[in-house]
C-alpha atoms as a PDB file:
ATOM      1  CA  MET A   1     -14.002-186.481 -67.596  1.00  0.00           C
ATOM      2  CA  ILE A   2     -14.250-185.073 -63.791  1.00  0.00           C
ATOM      3  CA  LYS A   3     -14.277-181.498 -65.161  1.00  0.00           C
ATOM      4  CA  ASP A   4     -17.400-182.177 -67.311  1.00  0.00           C
ATOM      5  CA  LEU A   5     -19.272-183.669 -64.199  1.00  0.00           C
ATOM      6  CA  VAL A   6     -18.117-180.825 -62.056  1.00  0.00           C
ATOM      7  CA  LEU A   7     -19.605-178.255 -64.606  1.00  0.00           C
ATOM      8  CA  LYS A   8     -22.827-180.073 -64.752  1.00  0.00           C
ATOM      9  CA  ASN A   9     -22.990-180.568 -61.027  1.00  0.00           C
ATOM     10  CA  ARG A  10     -25.091-177.127 -60.377  1.00  0.00           C
ATOM     11  CA  SER A  11     -27.494-176.065 -57.673  1.00  0.00           C
ATOM     12  CA  TYR A  12     -30.733-176.886 -59.713  1.00  0.00           C
ATOM     13  CA  ARG A  13     -33.700-175.859 -57.674  1.00  0.00           C
ATOM     14  CA  ARG A  14     -36.585-176.628 -60.343  1.00  0.00           C
ATOM     15  CA  PHE A  15     -37.175-180.259 -61.363  1.00  0.00           C
ATOM     16  CA  TYR A  16     -39.301-182.475 -63.451  1.00  0.00           C
ATOM     17  CA  GLN A  17     -41.354-183.428 -60.403  1.00  0.00           C
ATOM     18  CA  GLU A  18     -42.971-186.421 -62.466  1.00  0.00           C
ATOM     19  CA  HIS A  19     -39.688-187.916 -62.994  1.00  0.00           C
ATOM     20  CA  GLU A  20     -39.397-190.928 -60.450  1.00  0.00           C
ATOM     21  CA  ILE A  21     -36.054-191.630 -58.735  1.00  0.00           C
ATOM     22  CA  GLN A  22     -35.840-195.211 -57.414  1.00  0.00           C
ATOM     23  CA  PHE A  23     -35.117-195.622 -53.837  1.00  0.00           C
ATOM     24  CA  SER A  24     -32.359-198.590 -55.185  1.00  0.00           C
ATOM     25  CA  PHE A  25     -30.717-195.486 -57.008  1.00  0.00           C
ATOM     26  CA  LEU A  26     -30.909-193.341 -53.642  1.00  0.00           C
ATOM     27  CA  LYS A  27     -29.062-196.515 -52.070  1.00  0.00           C
ATOM     28  CA  GLU A  28     -26.348-196.511 -54.785  1.00  0.00           C
ATOM     29  CA  LEU A  29     -25.810-192.765 -54.048  1.00  0.00           C
ATOM     30  CA  ILE A  30     -25.306-193.940 -50.262  1.00  0.00           C
ATOM     31  CA  ASN A  31     -22.819-196.356 -51.581  1.00  0.00           C
ATOM     32  CA  LEU A  32     -20.775-193.676 -52.961  1.00  0.00           C
ATOM     33  CA  ALA A  33     -20.985-191.725 -49.673  1.00  0.00           C
ATOM     34  CA  ARG A  34     -19.798-194.915 -47.857  1.00  0.00           C
ATOM     35  CA  LEU A  35     -16.917-195.209 -50.181  1.00  0.00           C
ATOM     36  CA  SER A  36     -15.811-191.637 -49.884  1.00  0.00           C
ATOM     37  CA  PRO A  37     -13.140-190.541 -47.371  1.00  0.00           C
ATOM     38  CA  SER A  38     -14.013-189.793 -43.689  1.00  0.00           C
ATOM     39  CA  GLY A  39     -11.933-187.960 -41.067  1.00  0.00           C
ATOM     40  CA  ARG A  40     -10.278-190.402 -38.956  1.00  0.00           C
ATOM     41  CA  ASN A  41     -12.078-192.935 -40.910  1.00  0.00           C
ATOM     42  CA  LEU A  42     -14.907-192.750 -38.293  1.00  0.00           C
ATOM     43  CA  GLN A  43     -17.715-192.908 -40.754  1.00  0.00           C
ATOM     44  CA  PRO A  44     -20.378-190.935 -38.470  1.00  0.00           C
ATOM     45  CA  LEU A  45     -22.907-190.096 -41.089  1.00  0.00           C
ATOM     46  CA  LYS A  46     -26.108-191.785 -41.382  1.00  0.00           C
ATOM     47  CA  TYR A  47     -28.883-191.142 -43.901  1.00  0.00           C
ATOM     48  CA  PHE A  48     -32.386-190.882 -44.292  1.00  0.00           C
ATOM     49  CA  LEU A  49     -33.739-191.667 -47.901  1.00  0.00           C
ATOM     50  CA  SER A  50     -37.050-190.461 -49.607  1.00  0.00           C
ATOM     51  CA  SER A  51     -38.386-191.137 -52.917  1.00  0.00           C
ATOM     52  CA  ASP A  52     -42.174-191.043 -52.124  1.00  0.00           C
ATOM     53  CA  SER A  53     -44.441-188.071 -52.661  1.00  0.00           C
ATOM     54  CA  ILE A  54     -45.914-187.747 -48.999  1.00  0.00           C
ATOM     55  CA  THR A  55     -42.383-188.170 -47.338  1.00  0.00           C
ATOM     56  CA  ASN A  56     -40.889-185.685 -50.130  1.00  0.00           C
ATOM     57  CA  GLU A  57     -43.437-182.987 -48.960  1.00  0.00           C
ATOM     58  CA  LYS A  58     -42.664-183.240 -45.426  1.00  0.00           C
ATOM     59  CA  ILE A  59     -38.861-182.600 -45.932  1.00  0.00           C
ATOM     60  CA  PHE A  60     -39.905-179.867 -48.838  1.00  0.00           C
ATOM     61  CA  SER A  61     -41.845-178.078 -46.184  1.00  0.00           C
ATOM     62  CA  THR A  62     -38.768-177.575 -43.841  1.00  0.00           C
ATOM     63  CA  LEU A  63     -36.411-176.117 -46.520  1.00  0.00           C
ATOM     64  CA  SER A  64     -35.390-172.272 -47.321  1.00  0.00           C
ATOM     65  CA  TRP A  65     -34.997-171.961 -51.169  1.00  0.00           C
ATOM     66  CA  ALA A  66     -32.507-169.616 -52.739  1.00  0.00           C
ATOM     67  CA  ALA A  67     -31.840-166.673 -50.518  1.00  0.00           C
ATOM     68  CA  TYR A  68     -30.701-164.459 -53.519  1.00  0.00           C
ATOM     69  CA  LEU A  69     -34.056-164.684 -55.238  1.00  0.00           C
ATOM     70  CA  LYS A  70     -36.104-162.448 -53.125  1.00  0.00           C
ATOM     71  CA  ASP A  71     -39.206-162.715 -55.270  1.00  0.00           C
ATOM     72  CA  TRP A  72     -39.269-166.409 -55.379  1.00  0.00           C
ATOM     73  CA  ASN A  73     -40.350-168.949 -52.567  1.00  0.00           C
ATOM     74  CA  GLY A  74     -39.259-172.064 -53.919  1.00  0.00           C
ATOM     75  CA  PRO A  75     -40.221-174.385 -56.883  1.00  0.00           C
ATOM     76  CA  GLU A  76     -44.180-174.780 -57.725  1.00  0.00           C
ATOM     77  CA  GLU A  77     -46.033-177.765 -57.755  1.00  0.00           C
ATOM     78  CA  GLY A  78     -44.639-180.028 -60.701  1.00  0.00           C
ATOM     79  CA  GLU A  79     -41.279-178.457 -60.319  1.00  0.00           C
ATOM     80  CA  LYS A  80     -40.159-179.906 -56.864  1.00  0.00           C
ATOM     81  CA  PRO A  81     -37.729-182.451 -56.445  1.00  0.00           C
ATOM     82  CA  SER A  82     -38.432-186.249 -56.874  1.00  0.00           C
ATOM     83  CA  ALA A  83     -36.102-187.363 -54.025  1.00  0.00           C
ATOM     84  CA  TYR A  84     -34.412-186.102 -50.731  1.00  0.00           C
ATOM     85  CA  ILE A  85     -31.323-187.794 -48.991  1.00  0.00           C
ATOM     86  CA  VAL A  86     -31.232-186.314 -45.311  1.00  0.00           C
ATOM     87  CA  ILE A  87     -27.355-186.248 -44.013  1.00  0.00           C
ATOM     88  CA  MET A  88     -27.227-186.858 -40.205  1.00  0.00           C
ATOM     89  CA  GLY A  89     -24.318-187.091 -37.927  1.00  0.00           C
ATOM     90  CA  ASP A  90     -24.621-189.770 -35.098  1.00  0.00           C
ATOM     91  CA  THR A  91     -23.853-188.020 -32.062  1.00  0.00           C
ATOM     92  CA  ASN A  92     -23.481-191.524 -30.331  1.00  0.00           C
ATOM     93  CA  LEU A  93     -20.111-191.663 -32.366  1.00  0.00           C
ATOM     94  CA  THR A  94     -19.219-188.248 -32.100  1.00  0.00           C
ATOM     95  CA  THR A  95     -20.208-184.214 -32.262  1.00  0.00           C
ATOM     96  CA  ASN A  96     -17.606-183.156 -34.447  1.00  0.00           C
ATOM     97  CA  PHE A  97     -18.407-184.366 -38.112  1.00  0.00           C
ATOM     98  CA  MET A  98     -15.483-182.372 -39.595  1.00  0.00           C
ATOM     99  CA  CYS A  99     -16.083-182.055 -43.392  1.00  0.00           C
ATOM    100  CA  ASP A 100     -17.496-185.470 -44.019  1.00  0.00           C
ATOM    101  CA  HIS A 101     -21.144-184.275 -45.073  1.00  0.00           C
ATOM    102  CA  GLY A 102     -19.478-181.854 -47.342  1.00  0.00           C
ATOM    103  CA  ILE A 103     -17.453-184.564 -49.190  1.00  0.00           C
ATOM    104  CA  VAL A 104     -20.404-187.244 -49.369  1.00  0.00           C
ATOM    105  CA  SER A 105     -22.551-184.650 -50.571  1.00  0.00           C
ATOM    106  CA  GLN A 106     -20.000-183.881 -53.563  1.00  0.00           C
ATOM    107  CA  SER A 107     -19.622-187.684 -54.021  1.00  0.00           C
ATOM    108  CA  MET A 108     -23.586-188.212 -54.254  1.00  0.00           C
ATOM    109  CA  LEU A 109     -24.101-185.347 -56.339  1.00  0.00           C
ATOM    110  CA  LEU A 110     -21.491-186.316 -58.854  1.00  0.00           C
ATOM    111  CA  GLY A 111     -23.158-189.742 -59.167  1.00  0.00           C
ATOM    112  CA  ALA A 112     -26.444-188.085 -59.736  1.00  0.00           C
ATOM    113  CA  VAL A 113     -25.283-185.860 -62.362  1.00  0.00           C
ATOM    114  CA  GLU A 114     -23.473-188.868 -64.160  1.00  0.00           C
ATOM    115  CA  GLN A 115     -27.053-190.468 -64.533  1.00  0.00           C
ATOM    116  CA  GLY A 116     -28.549-187.279 -65.893  1.00  0.00           C
ATOM    117  CA  LEU A 117     -29.776-186.022 -62.593  1.00  0.00           C
ATOM    118  CA  GLY A 118     -29.148-182.852 -60.620  1.00  0.00           C
ATOM    119  CA  GLY A 119     -29.642-181.630 -57.194  1.00  0.00           C
ATOM    120  CA  CYS A 120     -29.098-178.960 -54.620  1.00  0.00           C
ATOM    121  CA  ILE A 121     -27.318-179.156 -50.977  1.00  0.00           C
ATOM    122  CA  PHE A 122     -29.479-177.440 -48.132  1.00  0.00           C
ATOM    123  CA  ALA A 123     -28.226-176.197 -45.082  1.00  0.00           C
ATOM    124  CA  SER A 124     -31.042-173.846 -44.471  1.00  0.00           C
ATOM    125  CA  ILE A 125     -33.247-176.097 -42.767  1.00  0.00           C
ATOM    126  CA  ASN A 126     -36.025-176.216 -40.059  1.00  0.00           C
ATOM    127  CA  LYS A 127     -34.089-178.882 -38.063  1.00  0.00           C
ATOM    128  CA  LYS A 128     -36.167-179.029 -35.249  1.00  0.00           C
ATOM    129  CA  LYS A 129     -39.416-179.569 -37.554  1.00  0.00           C
ATOM    130  CA  LEU A 130     -37.580-182.139 -39.870  1.00  0.00           C
ATOM    131  CA  GLN A 131     -36.533-184.199 -36.840  1.00  0.00           C
ATOM    132  CA  GLU A 132     -40.187-184.410 -35.719  1.00  0.00           C
ATOM    133  CA  LEU A 133     -41.856-185.048 -39.042  1.00  0.00           C
ATOM    134  CA  LEU A 134     -39.377-187.885 -40.015  1.00  0.00           C
ATOM    135  CA  ASN A 135     -39.593-189.301 -36.245  1.00  0.00           C
ATOM    136  CA  LEU A 136     -35.669-189.372 -36.018  1.00  0.00           C
ATOM    137  CA  ASP A 137     -33.996-190.497 -32.957  1.00  0.00           C
ATOM    138  CA  GLU A 138     -32.383-187.656 -30.967  1.00  0.00           C
ATOM    139  CA  SER A 139     -28.649-188.910 -31.272  1.00  0.00           C
ATOM    140  CA  LEU A 140     -29.005-188.156 -35.031  1.00  0.00           C
ATOM    141  CA  GLU A 141     -27.895-184.515 -35.999  1.00  0.00           C
ATOM    142  CA  ILE A 142     -29.207-183.234 -39.262  1.00  0.00           C
ATOM    143  CA  LEU A 143     -26.421-181.531 -41.368  1.00  0.00           C
ATOM    144  CA  LEU A 144     -27.560-181.241 -44.755  1.00  0.00           C
ATOM    145  CA  VAL A 145     -30.247-182.287 -46.956  1.00  0.00           C
ATOM    146  CA  ILE A 146     -29.856-183.013 -50.596  1.00  0.00           C
ATOM    147  CA  ALA A 147     -32.791-182.647 -52.984  1.00  0.00           C
ATOM    148  CA  LEU A 148     -32.579-184.645 -56.236  1.00  0.00           C
ATOM    149  CA  GLY A 149     -34.365-184.659 -59.415  1.00  0.00           C
ATOM    150  CA  LYS A 150     -34.377-184.319 -63.282  1.00  0.00           C
ATOM    151  CA  PRO A 151     -33.257-180.461 -63.800  1.00  0.00           C
ATOM    152  CA  LYS A 152     -35.924-178.307 -65.148  1.00  0.00           C
ATOM    153  CA  GLU A 153     -33.647-175.371 -65.376  1.00  0.00           C
ATOM    154  CA  GLY A 154     -30.783-173.998 -67.335  1.00  0.00           C
ATOM    155  CA  VAL A 155     -27.716-173.060 -65.223  1.00  0.00           C
ATOM    156  CA  VAL A 156     -25.052-170.930 -66.872  1.00  0.00           C
ATOM    157  CA  ILE A 157     -21.618-169.915 -65.104  1.00  0.00           C
ATOM    158  CA  GLU A 158     -20.180-166.532 -65.616  1.00  0.00           C
ATOM    159  CA  GLU A 159     -17.246-164.475 -64.124  1.00  0.00           C
ATOM    160  CA  VAL A 160     -17.919-162.330 -60.988  1.00  0.00           C
ATOM    161  CA  LYS A 161     -18.282-158.560 -62.078  1.00  0.00           C
ATOM    162  CA  ASN A 162     -17.897-155.730 -59.417  1.00  0.00           C
ATOM    163  CA  ASP A 163     -17.691-158.406 -56.836  1.00  0.00           C
ATOM    164  CA  ASP A 164     -21.092-159.452 -57.244  1.00  0.00           C
ATOM    165  CA  ILE A 165     -21.465-163.122 -56.278  1.00  0.00           C
ATOM    166  CA  LYS A 166     -25.080-163.020 -56.102  1.00  0.00           C
ATOM    167  CA  TYR A 167     -26.782-165.729 -58.487  1.00  0.00           C
ATOM    168  CA  TYR A 168     -29.807-164.533 -60.398  1.00  0.00           C
ATOM    169  CA  ARG A 169     -32.319-165.541 -63.002  1.00  0.00           C
ATOM    170  CA  ASP A 170     -32.705-163.812 -66.200  1.00  0.00           C
ATOM    171  CA  GLU A 171     -36.079-163.099 -68.164  1.00  0.00           C
ATOM    172  CA  ASN A 172     -35.960-166.560 -69.582  1.00  0.00           C
ATOM    173  CA  GLN A 173     -35.654-168.051 -66.215  1.00  0.00           C
ATOM    174  CA  THR A 174     -32.121-169.113 -67.038  1.00  0.00           C
ATOM    175  CA  HIS A 175     -30.098-169.297 -63.549  1.00  0.00           C
ATOM    176  CA  HIS A 176     -26.929-167.478 -63.499  1.00  0.00           C
ATOM    177  CA  VAL A 177     -24.147-168.258 -61.058  1.00  0.00           C
ATOM    178  CA  PRO A 178     -21.035-165.999 -60.976  1.00  0.00           C
ATOM    179  CA  LYS A 179     -17.734-167.431 -60.242  1.00  0.00           C
ATOM    180  CA  ARG A 180     -14.346-165.931 -59.342  1.00  0.00           C
ATOM    181  CA  THR A 181     -11.406-166.258 -61.526  1.00  0.00           C
ATOM    182  CA  ILE A 182      -8.670-168.816 -60.814  1.00  0.00           C
ATOM    183  CA  GLU A 183      -6.376-165.874 -60.737  1.00  0.00           C
ATOM    184  CA  GLU A 184      -8.365-164.264 -57.988  1.00  0.00           C
ATOM    185  CA  LEU A 185      -8.310-167.608 -55.746  1.00  0.00           C
ATOM    186  CA  ILE A 186      -4.623-168.322 -56.003  1.00  0.00           C
ATOM    187  CA  VAL A 187      -2.807-166.364 -53.680  1.00  0.00           C
ATOM    188  CA  ASN A 188       0.749-167.192 -55.080  1.00  0.00           C
ATOM    189  CA  ASN A 189      -0.041-166.467 -58.413  1.00  0.00           C
ATOM    190  CA  LYS A 190       3.370-166.741 -60.172  1.00  0.00           C
END
């Protein structure tokens, strides 16, 4: 059921780095993105795929990890993602990518979760550096990066308390993610 996939689709930040993700699987995820809805059906998104350690390290160096975890600078060696998908907008087609990159991100992550993988969507990216490291054409605007791998951490969803929405890790390194109640989200609750 889709609810089960959504519940398993957390923002994972530590992975079994040695778990290989084949380039062909990344292409399958792009096919899910391709089949997803697109504003005006313009389909302006392009993708850079990486599943090799050298390119992965380049991408990793441009990402900011878990802003709420002040004492953590990101995954250590052995816990880094096994693959990445860089989502870009083709400015030759438009400069307004609407919410397409959000839609395709969710589609791809649900596809990854279905295969026992997990990921994390990044918007906090040194885009200029990544553009240079990957030798991307200037017409491609970096929008998001998805890190993928076999999750090495547990994630627990819990109710927001005292309006504190900050995620945190407990002493066992379990990642806790506070979520608002459904009653709090619906404005015409009857």
